């Protein structure tokens, strides 16, 4: 498992969040 802790969120952070390798393999 990989995690993403997000703090001080802004309106512009609204999105769908995905994980993958950096090359989107």
PDBML (XML) file of the C-alpha atoms, coordinates in Angstrom:
<?xml version="1.0" encoding="UTF-8" ?>
<PDBx:datablock datablockName="MODEL"
   xmlns:PDBx="http://pdbml.pdb.org/schema/pdbx-v50.xsd"
   xmlns:xsi="http://www.w3.org/2001/XMLSchema-instance"
   xsi:schemaLocation="http://pdbml.pdb.org/schema/pdbx-v50.xsd pdbx-v50.xsd">
   <PDBx:atom_siteCategory>
      <PDBx:atom_site id="1">
         <PDBx:B_iso_or_equiv>0.00</PDBx:B_iso_or_equiv>
         <PDBx:Cartn_x>0.000</PDBx:Cartn_x>
         <PDBx:Cartn_y>0.000</PDBx:Cartn_y>
         <PDBx:Cartn_z>0.000</PDBx:Cartn_z>
         <PDBx:auth_asym_id>A</PDBx:auth_asym_id>
         <PDBx:auth_atom_id>CA</PDBx:auth_atom_id>
         <PDBx:auth_comp_id>UNK</PDBx:auth_comp_id>
         <PDBx:auth_seq_id>1</PDBx:auth_seq_id>
         <PDBx:group_PDB>ATOM</PDBx:group_PDB>
         <PDBx:label_alt_id xsi:nil="true" />
         <PDBx:label_asym_id>A</PDBx:label_asym_id>
         <PDBx:label_atom_id>CA</PDBx:label_atom_id>
         <PDBx:label_comp_id>UNK</PDBx:label_comp_id>
         <PDBx:label_entity_id>1</PDBx:label_entity_id>
         <PDBx:label_seq_id>1</PDBx:label_seq_id>
         <PDBx:occupancy>1.00</PDBx:occupancy>
         <PDBx:pdbx_PDB_model_num>1</PDBx:pdbx_PDB_model_num>
         <PDBx:type_symbol>C</PDBx:type_symbol>
      </PDBx:atom_site>
      <PDBx:atom_site id="2">
         <PDBx:B_iso_or_equiv>0.00</PDBx:B_iso_or_equiv>
         <PDBx:Cartn_x>1.047</PDBx:Cartn_x>
         <PDBx:Cartn_y>3.552</PDBx:Cartn_y>
         <PDBx:Cartn_z>-0.776</PDBx:Cartn_z>
         <PDBx:auth_asym_id>A</PDBx:auth_asym_id>
         <PDBx:auth_atom_id>CA</PDBx:auth_atom_id>
         <PDBx:auth_comp_id>UNK</PDBx:auth_comp_id>
         <PDBx:auth_seq_id>2</PDBx:auth_seq_id>
         <PDBx:group_PDB>ATOM</PDBx:group_PDB>
         <PDBx:label_alt_id xsi:nil="true" />
         <PDBx:label_asym_id>A</PDBx:label_asym_id>
         <PDBx:label_atom_id>CA</PDBx:label_atom_id>
         <PDBx:label_comp_id>UNK</PDBx:label_comp_id>
         <PDBx:label_entity_id>1</PDBx:label_entity_id>
         <PDBx:label_seq_id>2</PDBx:label_seq_id>
         <PDBx:occupancy>1.00</PDBx:occupancy>
         <PDBx:pdbx_PDB_model_num>1</PDBx:pdbx_PDB_model_num>
         <PDBx:type_symbol>C</PDBx:type_symbol>
      </PDBx:atom_site>
      <PDBx:atom_site id="3">
         <PDBx:B_iso_or_equiv>0.00</PDBx:B_iso_or_equiv>
         <PDBx:Cartn_x>-0.454</PDBx:Cartn_x>
         <PDBx:Cartn_y>6.539</PDBx:Cartn_y>
         <PDBx:Cartn_z>1.029</PDBx:Cartn_z>
         <PDBx:auth_asym_id>A</PDBx:auth_asym_id>
         <PDBx:auth_atom_id>CA</PDBx:auth_atom_id>
         <PDBx:auth_comp_id>UNK</PDBx:auth_comp_id>
         <PDBx:auth_seq_id>3</PDBx:auth_seq_id>
         <PDBx:group_PDB>ATOM</PDBx:group_PDB>
         <PDBx:label_alt_id xsi:nil="true" />
         <PDBx:label_asym_id>A</PDBx:label_asym_id>
         <PDBx:label_atom_id>CA</PDBx:label_atom_id>
         <PDBx:label_comp_id>UNK</PDBx:label_comp_id>
         <PDBx:label_entity_id>1</PDBx:label_entity_id>
         <PDBx:label_seq_id>3</PDBx:label_seq_id>
         <PDBx:occupancy>1.00</PDBx:occupancy>
         <PDBx:pdbx_PDB_model_num>1</PDBx:pdbx_PDB_model_num>
         <PDBx:type_symbol>C</PDBx:type_symbol>
      </PDBx:atom_site>
      <PDBx:atom_site id="4">
         <PDBx:B_iso_or_equiv>0.00</PDBx:B_iso_or_equiv>
         <PDBx:Cartn_x>-0.905</PDBx:Cartn_x>
         <PDBx:Cartn_y>10.228</PDBx:Cartn_y>
         <PDBx:Cartn_z>0.351</PDBx:Cartn_z>
         <PDBx:auth_asym_id>A</PDBx:auth_asym_id>
         <PDBx:auth_atom_id>CA</PDBx:auth_atom_id>
         <PDBx:auth_comp_id>UNK</PDBx:auth_comp_id>
         <PDBx:auth_seq_id>4</PDBx:auth_seq_id>
         <PDBx:group_PDB>ATOM</PDBx:group_PDB>
         <PDBx:label_alt_id xsi:nil="true" />
         <PDBx:label_asym_id>A</PDBx:label_asym_id>
         <PDBx:label_atom_id>CA</PDBx:label_atom_id>
         <PDBx:label_comp_id>UNK</PDBx:label_comp_id>
         <PDBx:label_entity_id>1</PDBx:label_entity_id>
         <PDBx:label_seq_id>4</PDBx:label_seq_id>
         <PDBx:occupancy>1.00</PDBx:occupancy>
         <PDBx:pdbx_PDB_model_num>1</PDBx:pdbx_PDB_model_num>
         <PDBx:type_symbol>C</PDBx:type_symbol>
      </PDBx:atom_site>
      <PDBx:atom_site id="5">
         <PDBx:B_iso_or_equiv>0.00</PDBx:B_iso_or_equiv>
         <PDBx:Cartn_x>-1.439</PDBx:Cartn_x>
         <PDBx:Cartn_y>12.447</PDBx:Cartn_y>
         <PDBx:Cartn_z>3.368</PDBx:Cartn_z>
         <PDBx:auth_asym_id>A</PDBx:auth_asym_id>
         <PDBx:auth_atom_id>CA</PDBx:auth_atom_id>
         <PDBx:auth_comp_id>UNK</PDBx:auth_comp_id>
         <PDBx:auth_seq_id>5</PDBx:auth_seq_id>
         <PDBx:group_PDB>ATOM</PDBx:group_PDB>
         <PDBx:label_alt_id xsi:nil="true" />
         <PDBx:label_asym_id>A</PDBx:label_asym_id>
         <PDBx:label_atom_id>CA</PDBx:label_atom_id>
         <PDBx:label_comp_id>UNK</PDBx:label_comp_id>
         <PDBx:label_entity_id>1</PDBx:label_entity_id>
         <PDBx:label_seq_id>5</PDBx:label_seq_id>
         <PDBx:occupancy>1.00</PDBx:occupancy>
         <PDBx:pdbx_PDB_model_num>1</PDBx:pdbx_PDB_model_num>
         <PDBx:type_symbol>C</PDBx:type_symbol>
      </PDBx:atom_site>
      <PDBx:atom_site id="6">
         <PDBx:B_iso_or_equiv>0.00</PDBx:B_iso_or_equiv>
         <PDBx:Cartn_x>-2.887</PDBx:Cartn_x>
         <PDBx:Cartn_y>15.752</PDBx:Cartn_y>
         <PDBx:Cartn_z>2.206</PDBx:Cartn_z>
         <PDBx:auth_asym_id>A</PDBx:auth_asym_id>
         <PDBx:auth_atom_id>CA</PDBx:auth_atom_id>
         <PDBx:auth_comp_id>UNK</PDBx:auth_comp_id>
         <PDBx:auth_seq_id>6</PDBx:auth_seq_id>
         <PDBx:group_PDB>ATOM</PDBx:group_PDB>
         <PDBx:label_alt_id xsi:nil="true" />
         <PDBx:label_asym_id>A</PDBx:label_asym_id>
         <PDBx:label_atom_id>CA</PDBx:label_atom_id>
         <PDBx:label_comp_id>UNK</PDBx:label_comp_id>
         <PDBx:label_entity_id>1</PDBx:label_entity_id>
         <PDBx:label_seq_id>6</PDBx:label_seq_id>
         <PDBx:occupancy>1.00</PDBx:occupancy>
         <PDBx:pdbx_PDB_model_num>1</PDBx:pdbx_PDB_model_num>
         <PDBx:type_symbol>C</PDBx:type_symbol>
      </PDBx:atom_site>
      <PDBx:atom_site id="7">
         <PDBx:B_iso_or_equiv>0.00</PDBx:B_iso_or_equiv>
         <PDBx:Cartn_x>-3.099</PDBx:Cartn_x>
         <PDBx:Cartn_y>18.779</PDBx:Cartn_y>
         <PDBx:Cartn_z>4.483</PDBx:Cartn_z>
         <PDBx:auth_asym_id>A</PDBx:auth_asym_id>
         <PDBx:auth_atom_id>CA</PDBx:auth_atom_id>
         <PDBx:auth_comp_id>UNK</PDBx:auth_comp_id>
         <PDBx:auth_seq_id>7</PDBx:auth_seq_id>
         <PDBx:group_PDB>ATOM</PDBx:group_PDB>
         <PDBx:label_alt_id xsi:nil="true" />
         <PDBx:label_asym_id>A</PDBx:label_asym_id>
         <PDBx:label_atom_id>CA</PDBx:label_atom_id>
         <PDBx:label_comp_id>UNK</PDBx:label_comp_id>
         <PDBx:label_entity_id>1</PDBx:label_entity_id>
         <PDBx:label_seq_id>7</PDBx:label_seq_id>
         <PDBx:occupancy>1.00</PDBx:occupancy>
         <PDBx:pdbx_PDB_model_num>1</PDBx:pdbx_PDB_model_num>
         <PDBx:type_symbol>C</PDBx:type_symbol>
      </PDBx:atom_site>
      <PDBx:atom_site id="8">
         <PDBx:B_iso_or_equiv>0.00</PDBx:B_iso_or_equiv>
         <PDBx:Cartn_x>-4.180</PDBx:Cartn_x>
         <PDBx:Cartn_y>22.400</PDBx:Cartn_y>
         <PDBx:Cartn_z>4.058</PDBx:Cartn_z>
         <PDBx:auth_asym_id>A</PDBx:auth_asym_id>
         <PDBx:auth_atom_id>CA</PDBx:auth_atom_id>
         <PDBx:auth_comp_id>UNK</PDBx:auth_comp_id>
         <PDBx:auth_seq_id>8</PDBx:auth_seq_id>
         <PDBx:group_PDB>ATOM</PDBx:group_PDB>
         <PDBx:label_alt_id xsi:nil="true" />
         <PDBx:label_asym_id>A</PDBx:label_asym_id>
         <PDBx:label_atom_id>CA</PDBx:label_atom_id>
         <PDBx:label_comp_id>UNK</PDBx:label_comp_id>
         <PDBx:label_entity_id>1</PDBx:label_entity_id>
         <PDBx:label_seq_id>8</PDBx:label_seq_id>
         <PDBx:occupancy>1.00</PDBx:occupancy>
         <PDBx:pdbx_PDB_model_num>1</PDBx:pdbx_PDB_model_num>
         <PDBx:type_symbol>C</PDBx:type_symbol>
      </PDBx:atom_site>
      <PDBx:atom_site id="9">
         <PDBx:B_iso_or_equiv>0.00</PDBx:B_iso_or_equiv>
         <PDBx:Cartn_x>-6.373</PDBx:Cartn_x>
         <PDBx:Cartn_y>21.385</PDBx:Cartn_y>
         <PDBx:Cartn_z>1.163</PDBx:Cartn_z>
         <PDBx:auth_asym_id>A</PDBx:auth_asym_id>
         <PDBx:auth_atom_id>CA</PDBx:auth_atom_id>
         <PDBx:auth_comp_id>UNK</PDBx:auth_comp_id>
         <PDBx:auth_seq_id>9</PDBx:auth_seq_id>
         <PDBx:group_PDB>ATOM</PDBx:group_PDB>
         <PDBx:label_alt_id xsi:nil="true" />
         <PDBx:label_asym_id>A</PDBx:label_asym_id>
         <PDBx:label_atom_id>CA</PDBx:label_atom_id>
         <PDBx:label_comp_id>UNK</PDBx:label_comp_id>
         <PDBx:label_entity_id>1</PDBx:label_entity_id>
         <PDBx:label_seq_id>9</PDBx:label_seq_id>
         <PDBx:occupancy>1.00</PDBx:occupancy>
         <PDBx:pdbx_PDB_model_num>1</PDBx:pdbx_PDB_model_num>
         <PDBx:type_symbol>C</PDBx:type_symbol>
      </PDBx:atom_site>
      <PDBx:atom_site id="10">
         <PDBx:B_iso_or_equiv>0.00</PDBx:B_iso_or_equiv>
         <PDBx:Cartn_x>-7.433</PDBx:Cartn_x>
         <PDBx:Cartn_y>24.040</PDBx:Cartn_y>
         <PDBx:Cartn_z>-1.321</PDBx:Cartn_z>
         <PDBx:auth_asym_id>A</PDBx:auth_asym_id>
         <PDBx:auth_atom_id>CA</PDBx:auth_atom_id>
         <PDBx:auth_comp_id>UNK</PDBx:auth_comp_id>
         <PDBx:auth_seq_id>10</PDBx:auth_seq_id>
         <PDBx:group_PDB>ATOM</PDBx:group_PDB>
         <PDBx:label_alt_id xsi:nil="true" />
         <PDBx:label_asym_id>A</PDBx:label_asym_id>
         <PDBx:label_atom_id>CA</PDBx:label_atom_id>
         <PDBx:label_comp_id>UNK</PDBx:label_comp_id>
         <PDBx:label_entity_id>1</PDBx:label_entity_id>
         <PDBx:label_seq_id>10</PDBx:label_seq_id>
         <PDBx:occupancy>1.00</PDBx:occupancy>
         <PDBx:pdbx_PDB_model_num>1</PDBx:pdbx_PDB_model_num>
         <PDBx:type_symbol>C</PDBx:type_symbol>
      </PDBx:atom_site>
      <PDBx:atom_site id="11">
         <PDBx:B_iso_or_equiv>0.00</PDBx:B_iso_or_equiv>
         <PDBx:Cartn_x>-10.403</PDBx:Cartn_x>
         <PDBx:Cartn_y>24.303</PDBx:Cartn_y>
         <PDBx:Cartn_z>-3.647</PDBx:Cartn_z>
         <PDBx:auth_asym_id>A</PDBx:auth_asym_id>
         <PDBx:auth_atom_id>CA</PDBx:auth_atom_id>
         <PDBx:auth_comp_id>UNK</PDBx:auth_comp_id>
         <PDBx:auth_seq_id>11</PDBx:auth_seq_id>
         <PDBx:group_PDB>ATOM</PDBx:group_PDB>
         <PDBx:label_alt_id xsi:nil="true" />
         <PDBx:label_asym_id>A</PDBx:label_asym_id>
         <PDBx:label_atom_id>CA</PDBx:label_atom_id>
         <PDBx:label_comp_id>UNK</PDBx:label_comp_id>
         <PDBx:label_entity_id>1</PDBx:label_entity_id>
         <PDBx:label_seq_id>11</PDBx:label_seq_id>
         <PDBx:occupancy>1.00</PDBx:occupancy>
         <PDBx:pdbx_PDB_model_num>1</PDBx:pdbx_PDB_model_num>
         <PDBx:type_symbol>C</PDBx:type_symbol>
      </PDBx:atom_site>
      <PDBx:atom_site id="12">
         <PDBx:B_iso_or_equiv>0.00</PDBx:B_iso_or_equiv>
         <PDBx:Cartn_x>-8.102</PDBx:Cartn_x>
         <PDBx:Cartn_y>23.615</PDBx:Cartn_y>
         <PDBx:Cartn_z>-6.579</PDBx:Cartn_z>
         <PDBx:auth_asym_id>A</PDBx:auth_asym_id>
         <PDBx:auth_atom_id>CA</PDBx:auth_atom_id>
         <PDBx:auth_comp_id>UNK</PDBx:auth_comp_id>
         <PDBx:auth_seq_id>12</PDBx:auth_seq_id>
         <PDBx:group_PDB>ATOM</PDBx:group_PDB>
         <PDBx:label_alt_id xsi:nil="true" />
         <PDBx:label_asym_id>A</PDBx:label_asym_id>
         <PDBx:label_atom_id>CA</PDBx:label_atom_id>
         <PDBx:label_comp_id>UNK</PDBx:label_comp_id>
         <PDBx:label_entity_id>1</PDBx:label_entity_id>
         <PDBx:label_seq_id>12</PDBx:label_seq_id>
         <PDBx:occupancy>1.00</PDBx:occupancy>
         <PDBx:pdbx_PDB_model_num>1</PDBx:pdbx_PDB_model_num>
         <PDBx:type_symbol>C</PDBx:type_symbol>
      </PDBx:atom_site>
      <PDBx:atom_site id="13">
         <PDBx:B_iso_or_equiv>0.00</PDBx:B_iso_or_equiv>
         <PDBx:Cartn_x>-7.085</PDBx:Cartn_x>
         <PDBx:Cartn_y>20.265</PDBx:Cartn_y>
         <PDBx:Cartn_z>-5.112</PDBx:Cartn_z>
         <PDBx:auth_asym_id>A</PDBx:auth_asym_id>
         <PDBx:auth_atom_id>CA</PDBx:auth_atom_id>
         <PDBx:auth_comp_id>UNK</PDBx:auth_comp_id>
         <PDBx:auth_seq_id>13</PDBx:auth_seq_id>
         <PDBx:group_PDB>ATOM</PDBx:group_PDB>
         <PDBx:label_alt_id xsi:nil="true" />
         <PDBx:label_asym_id>A</PDBx:label_asym_id>
         <PDBx:label_atom_id>CA</PDBx:label_atom_id>
         <PDBx:label_comp_id>UNK</PDBx:label_comp_id>
         <PDBx:label_entity_id>1</PDBx:label_entity_id>
         <PDBx:label_seq_id>13</PDBx:label_seq_id>
         <PDBx:occupancy>1.00</PDBx:occupancy>
         <PDBx:pdbx_PDB_model_num>1</PDBx:pdbx_PDB_model_num>
         <PDBx:type_symbol>C</PDBx:type_symbol>
      </PDBx:atom_site>
      <PDBx:atom_site id="14">
         <PDBx:B_iso_or_equiv>0.00</PDBx:B_iso_or_equiv>
         <PDBx:Cartn_x>-10.492</PDBx:Cartn_x>
         <PDBx:Cartn_y>18.921</PDBx:Cartn_y>
         <PDBx:Cartn_z>-6.109</PDBx:Cartn_z>
         <PDBx:auth_asym_id>A</PDBx:auth_asym_id>
         <PDBx:auth_atom_id>CA</PDBx:auth_atom_id>
         <PDBx:auth_comp_id>UNK</PDBx:auth_comp_id>
         <PDBx:auth_seq_id>14</PDBx:auth_seq_id>
         <PDBx:group_PDB>ATOM</PDBx:group_PDB>
         <PDBx:label_alt_id xsi:nil="true" />
         <PDBx:label_asym_id>A</PDBx:label_asym_id>
         <PDBx:label_atom_id>CA</PDBx:label_atom_id>
         <PDBx:label_comp_id>UNK</PDBx:label_comp_id>
         <PDBx:label_entity_id>1</PDBx:label_entity_id>
         <PDBx:label_seq_id>14</PDBx:label_seq_id>
         <PDBx:occupancy>1.00</PDBx:occupancy>
         <PDBx:pdbx_PDB_model_num>1</PDBx:pdbx_PDB_model_num>
         <PDBx:type_symbol>C</PDBx:type_symbol>
      </PDBx:atom_site>
      <PDBx:atom_site id="15">
         <PDBx:B_iso_or_equiv>0.00</PDBx:B_iso_or_equiv>
         <PDBx:Cartn_x>-9.809</PDBx:Cartn_x>
         <PDBx:Cartn_y>16.027</PDBx:Cartn_y>
         <PDBx:Cartn_z>-8.474</PDBx:Cartn_z>
         <PDBx:auth_asym_id>A</PDBx:auth_asym_id>
         <PDBx:auth_atom_id>CA</PDBx:auth_atom_id>
         <PDBx:auth_comp_id>UNK</PDBx:auth_comp_id>
         <PDBx:auth_seq_id>15</PDBx:auth_seq_id>
         <PDBx:group_PDB>ATOM</PDBx:group_PDB>
         <PDBx:label_alt_id xsi:nil="true" />
         <PDBx:label_asym_id>A</PDBx:label_asym_id>
         <PDBx:label_atom_id>CA</PDBx:label_atom_id>
         <PDBx:label_comp_id>UNK</PDBx:label_comp_id>
         <PDBx:label_entity_id>1</PDBx:label_entity_id>
         <PDBx:label_seq_id>15</PDBx:label_seq_id>
         <PDBx:occupancy>1.00</PDBx:occupancy>
         <PDBx:pdbx_PDB_model_num>1</PDBx:pdbx_PDB_model_num>
         <PDBx:type_symbol>C</PDBx:type_symbol>
      </PDBx:atom_site>
      <PDBx:atom_site id="16">
         <PDBx:B_iso_or_equiv>0.00</PDBx:B_iso_or_equiv>
         <PDBx:Cartn_x>-9.840</PDBx:Cartn_x>
         <PDBx:Cartn_y>12.275</PDBx:Cartn_y>
         <PDBx:Cartn_z>-8.832</PDBx:Cartn_z>
         <PDBx:auth_asym_id>A</PDBx:auth_asym_id>
         <PDBx:auth_atom_id>CA</PDBx:auth_atom_id>
         <PDBx:auth_comp_id>UNK</PDBx:auth_comp_id>
         <PDBx:auth_seq_id>16</PDBx:auth_seq_id>
         <PDBx:group_PDB>ATOM</PDBx:group_PDB>
         <PDBx:label_alt_id xsi:nil="true" />
         <PDBx:label_asym_id>A</PDBx:label_asym_id>
         <PDBx:label_atom_id>CA</PDBx:label_atom_id>
         <PDBx:label_comp_id>UNK</PDBx:label_comp_id>
         <PDBx:label_entity_id>1</PDBx:label_entity_id>
         <PDBx:label_seq_id>16</PDBx:label_seq_id>
         <PDBx:occupancy>1.00</PDBx:occupancy>
         <PDBx:pdbx_PDB_model_num>1</PDBx:pdbx_PDB_model_num>
         <PDBx:type_symbol>C</PDBx:type_symbol>
      </PDBx:atom_site>
      <PDBx:atom_site id="17">
         <PDBx:B_iso_or_equiv>0.00</PDBx:B_iso_or_equiv>
         <PDBx:Cartn_x>-6.656</PDBx:Cartn_x>
         <PDBx:Cartn_y>10.847</PDBx:Cartn_y>
         <PDBx:Cartn_z>-7.367</PDBx:Cartn_z>
         <PDBx:auth_asym_id>A</PDBx:auth_asym_id>
         <PDBx:auth_atom_id>CA</PDBx:auth_atom_id>
         <PDBx:auth_comp_id>UNK</PDBx:auth_comp_id>
         <PDBx:auth_seq_id>17</PDBx:auth_seq_id>
         <PDBx:group_PDB>ATOM</PDBx:group_PDB>
         <PDBx:label_alt_id xsi:nil="true" />
         <PDBx:label_asym_id>A</PDBx:label_asym_id>
         <PDBx:label_atom_id>CA</PDBx:label_atom_id>
         <PDBx:label_comp_id>UNK</PDBx:label_comp_id>
         <PDBx:label_entity_id>1</PDBx:label_entity_id>
         <PDBx:label_seq_id>17</PDBx:label_seq_id>
         <PDBx:occupancy>1.00</PDBx:occupancy>
         <PDBx:pdbx_PDB_model_num>1</PDBx:pdbx_PDB_model_num>
         <PDBx:type_symbol>C</PDBx:type_symbol>
      </PDBx:atom_site>
      <PDBx:atom_site id="18">
         <PDBx:B_iso_or_equiv>0.00</PDBx:B_iso_or_equiv>
         <PDBx:Cartn_x>-4.959</PDBx:Cartn_x>
         <PDBx:Cartn_y>7.757</PDBx:Cartn_y>
         <PDBx:Cartn_z>-8.759</PDBx:Cartn_z>
         <PDBx:auth_asym_id>A</PDBx:auth_asym_id>
         <PDBx:auth_atom_id>CA</PDBx:auth_atom_id>
         <PDBx:auth_comp_id>UNK</PDBx:auth_comp_id>
         <PDBx:auth_seq_id>18</PDBx:auth_seq_id>
         <PDBx:group_PDB>ATOM</PDBx:group_PDB>
         <PDBx:label_alt_id xsi:nil="true" />
         <PDBx:label_asym_id>A</PDBx:label_asym_id>
         <PDBx:label_atom_id>CA</PDBx:label_atom_id>
         <PDBx:label_comp_id>UNK</PDBx:label_comp_id>
         <PDBx:label_entity_id>1</PDBx:label_entity_id>
         <PDBx:label_seq_id>18</PDBx:label_seq_id>
         <PDBx:occupancy>1.00</PDBx:occupancy>
         <PDBx:pdbx_PDB_model_num>1</PDBx:pdbx_PDB_model_num>
         <PDBx:type_symbol>C</PDBx:type_symbol>
      </PDBx:atom_site>
      <PDBx:atom_site id="19">
         <PDBx:B_iso_or_equiv>0.00</PDBx:B_iso_or_equiv>
         <PDBx:Cartn_x>-1.845</PDBx:Cartn_x>
         <PDBx:Cartn_y>5.729</PDBx:Cartn_y>
         <PDBx:Cartn_z>-8.090</PDBx:Cartn_z>
         <PDBx:auth_asym_id>A</PDBx:auth_asym_id>
         <PDBx:auth_atom_id>CA</PDBx:auth_atom_id>
         <PDBx:auth_comp_id>UNK</PDBx:auth_comp_id>
         <PDBx:auth_seq_id>19</PDBx:auth_seq_id>
         <PDBx:group_PDB>ATOM</PDBx:group_PDB>
         <PDBx:label_alt_id xsi:nil="true" />
         <PDBx:label_asym_id>A</PDBx:label_asym_id>
         <PDBx:label_atom_id>CA</PDBx:label_atom_id>
         <PDBx:label_comp_id>UNK</PDBx:label_comp_id>
         <PDBx:label_entity_id>1</PDBx:label_entity_id>
         <PDBx:label_seq_id>19</PDBx:label_seq_id>
         <PDBx:occupancy>1.00</PDBx:occupancy>
         <PDBx:pdbx_PDB_model_num>1</PDBx:pdbx_PDB_model_num>
         <PDBx:type_symbol>C</PDBx:type_symbol>
      </PDBx:atom_site>
      <PDBx:atom_site id="20">
         <PDBx:B_iso_or_equiv>0.00</PDBx:B_iso_or_equiv>
         <PDBx:Cartn_x>0.446</PDBx:Cartn_x>
         <PDBx:Cartn_y>3.993</PDBx:Cartn_y>
         <PDBx:Cartn_z>-10.553</PDBx:Cartn_z>
         <PDBx:auth_asym_id>A</PDBx:auth_asym_id>
         <PDBx:auth_atom_id>CA</PDBx:auth_atom_id>
         <PDBx:auth_comp_id>UNK</PDBx:auth_comp_id>
         <PDBx:auth_seq_id>20</PDBx:auth_seq_id>
         <PDBx:group_PDB>ATOM</PDBx:group_PDB>
         <PDBx:label_alt_id xsi:nil="true" />
         <PDBx:label_asym_id>A</PDBx:label_asym_id>
         <PDBx:label_atom_id>CA</PDBx:label_atom_id>
         <PDBx:label_comp_id>UNK</PDBx:label_comp_id>
         <PDBx:label_entity_id>1</PDBx:label_entity_id>
         <PDBx:label_seq_id>20</PDBx:label_seq_id>
         <PDBx:occupancy>1.00</PDBx:occupancy>
         <PDBx:pdbx_PDB_model_num>1</PDBx:pdbx_PDB_model_num>
         <PDBx:type_symbol>C</PDBx:type_symbol>
      </PDBx:atom_site>
      <PDBx:atom_site id="21">
         <PDBx:B_iso_or_equiv>0.00</PDBx:B_iso_or_equiv>
         <PDBx:Cartn_x>4.136</PDBx:Cartn_x>
         <PDBx:Cartn_y>3.795</PDBx:Cartn_y>
         <PDBx:Cartn_z>-11.339</PDBx:Cartn_z>
         <PDBx:auth_asym_id>A</PDBx:auth_asym_id>
         <PDBx:auth_atom_id>CA</PDBx:auth_atom_id>
         <PDBx:auth_comp_id>UNK</PDBx:auth_comp_id>
         <PDBx:auth_seq_id>21</PDBx:auth_seq_id>
         <PDBx:group_PDB>ATOM</PDBx:group_PDB>
         <PDBx:label_alt_id xsi:nil="true" />
         <PDBx:label_asym_id>A</PDBx:label_asym_id>
         <PDBx:label_atom_id>CA</PDBx:label_atom_id>
         <PDBx:label_comp_id>UNK</PDBx:label_comp_id>
         <PDBx:label_entity_id>1</PDBx:label_entity_id>
         <PDBx:label_seq_id>21</PDBx:label_seq_id>
         <PDBx:occupancy>1.00</PDBx:occupancy>
         <PDBx:pdbx_PDB_model_num>1</PDBx:pdbx_PDB_model_num>
         <PDBx:type_symbol>C</PDBx:type_symbol>
      </PDBx:atom_site>
      <PDBx:atom_site id="22">
         <PDBx:B_iso_or_equiv>0.00</PDBx:B_iso_or_equiv>
         <PDBx:Cartn_x>5.765</PDBx:Cartn_x>
         <PDBx:Cartn_y>7.041</PDBx:Cartn_y>
         <PDBx:Cartn_z>-12.548</PDBx:Cartn_z>
         <PDBx:auth_asym_id>A</PDBx:auth_asym_id>
         <PDBx:auth_atom_id>CA</PDBx:auth_atom_id>
         <PDBx:auth_comp_id>UNK</PDBx:auth_comp_id>
         <PDBx:auth_seq_id>22</PDBx:auth_seq_id>
         <PDBx:group_PDB>ATOM</PDBx:group_PDB>
         <PDBx:label_alt_id xsi:nil="true" />
         <PDBx:label_asym_id>A</PDBx:label_asym_id>
         <PDBx:label_atom_id>CA</PDBx:label_atom_id>
         <PDBx:label_comp_id>UNK</PDBx:label_comp_id>
         <PDBx:label_entity_id>1</PDBx:label_entity_id>
         <PDBx:label_seq_id>22</PDBx:label_seq_id>
         <PDBx:occupancy>1.00</PDBx:occupancy>
         <PDBx:pdbx_PDB_model_num>1</PDBx:pdbx_PDB_model_num>
         <PDBx:type_symbol>C</PDBx:type_symbol>
      </PDBx:atom_site>
      <PDBx:atom_site id="23">
         <PDBx:B_iso_or_equiv>0.00</PDBx:B_iso_or_equiv>
         <PDBx:Cartn_x>5.682</PDBx:Cartn_x>
         <PDBx:Cartn_y>5.679</PDBx:Cartn_y>
         <PDBx:Cartn_z>-16.085</PDBx:Cartn_z>
         <PDBx:auth_asym_id>A</PDBx:auth_asym_id>
         <PDBx:auth_atom_id>CA</PDBx:auth_atom_id>
         <PDBx:auth_comp_id>UNK</PDBx:auth_comp_id>
         <PDBx:auth_seq_id>23</PDBx:auth_seq_id>
         <PDBx:group_PDB>ATOM</PDBx:group_PDB>
         <PDBx:label_alt_id xsi:nil="true" />
         <PDBx:label_asym_id>A</PDBx:label_asym_id>
         <PDBx:label_atom_id>CA</PDBx:label_atom_id>
         <PDBx:label_comp_id>UNK</PDBx:label_comp_id>
         <PDBx:label_entity_id>1</PDBx:label_entity_id>
         <PDBx:label_seq_id>23</PDBx:label_seq_id>
         <PDBx:occupancy>1.00</PDBx:occupancy>
         <PDBx:pdbx_PDB_model_num>1</PDBx:pdbx_PDB_model_num>
         <PDBx:type_symbol>C</PDBx:type_symbol>
      </PDBx:atom_site>
      <PDBx:atom_site id="24">
         <PDBx:B_iso_or_equiv>0.00</PDBx:B_iso_or_equiv>
         <PDBx:Cartn_x>2.014</PDBx:Cartn_x>
         <PDBx:Cartn_y>4.720</PDBx:Cartn_y>
         <PDBx:Cartn_z>-15.715</PDBx:Cartn_z>
         <PDBx:auth_asym_id>A</PDBx:auth_asym_id>
         <PDBx:auth_atom_id>CA</PDBx:auth_atom_id>
         <PDBx:auth_comp_id>UNK</PDBx:auth_comp_id>
         <PDBx:auth_seq_id>24</PDBx:auth_seq_id>
         <PDBx:group_PDB>ATOM</PDBx:group_PDB>
         <PDBx:label_alt_id xsi:nil="true" />
         <PDBx:label_asym_id>A</PDBx:label_asym_id>
         <PDBx:label_atom_id>CA</PDBx:label_atom_id>
         <PDBx:label_comp_id>UNK</PDBx:label_comp_id>
         <PDBx:label_entity_id>1</PDBx:label_entity_id>
         <PDBx:label_seq_id>24</PDBx:label_seq_id>
         <PDBx:occupancy>1.00</PDBx:occupancy>
         <PDBx:pdbx_PDB_model_num>1</PDBx:pdbx_PDB_model_num>
         <PDBx:type_symbol>C</PDBx:type_symbol>
      </PDBx:atom_site>
      <PDBx:atom_site id="25">
         <PDBx:B_iso_or_equiv>0.00</PDBx:B_iso_or_equiv>
         <PDBx:Cartn_x>3.047</PDBx:Cartn_x>
         <PDBx:Cartn_y>1.206</PDBx:Cartn_y>
         <PDBx:Cartn_z>-16.550</PDBx:Cartn_z>
         <PDBx:auth_asym_id>A</PDBx:auth_asym_id>
         <PDBx:auth_atom_id>CA</PDBx:auth_atom_id>
         <PDBx:auth_comp_id>UNK</PDBx:auth_comp_id>
         <PDBx:auth_seq_id>25</PDBx:auth_seq_id>
         <PDBx:group_PDB>ATOM</PDBx:group_PDB>
         <PDBx:label_alt_id xsi:nil="true" />
         <PDBx:label_asym_id>A</PDBx:label_asym_id>
         <PDBx:label_atom_id>CA</PDBx:label_atom_id>
         <PDBx:label_comp_id>UNK</PDBx:label_comp_id>
         <PDBx:label_entity_id>1</PDBx:label_entity_id>
         <PDBx:label_seq_id>25</PDBx:label_seq_id>
         <PDBx:occupancy>1.00</PDBx:occupancy>
         <PDBx:pdbx_PDB_model_num>1</PDBx:pdbx_PDB_model_num>
         <PDBx:type_symbol>C</PDBx:type_symbol>
      </PDBx:atom_site>
   </PDBx:atom_siteCategory>
</PDBx:datablock>
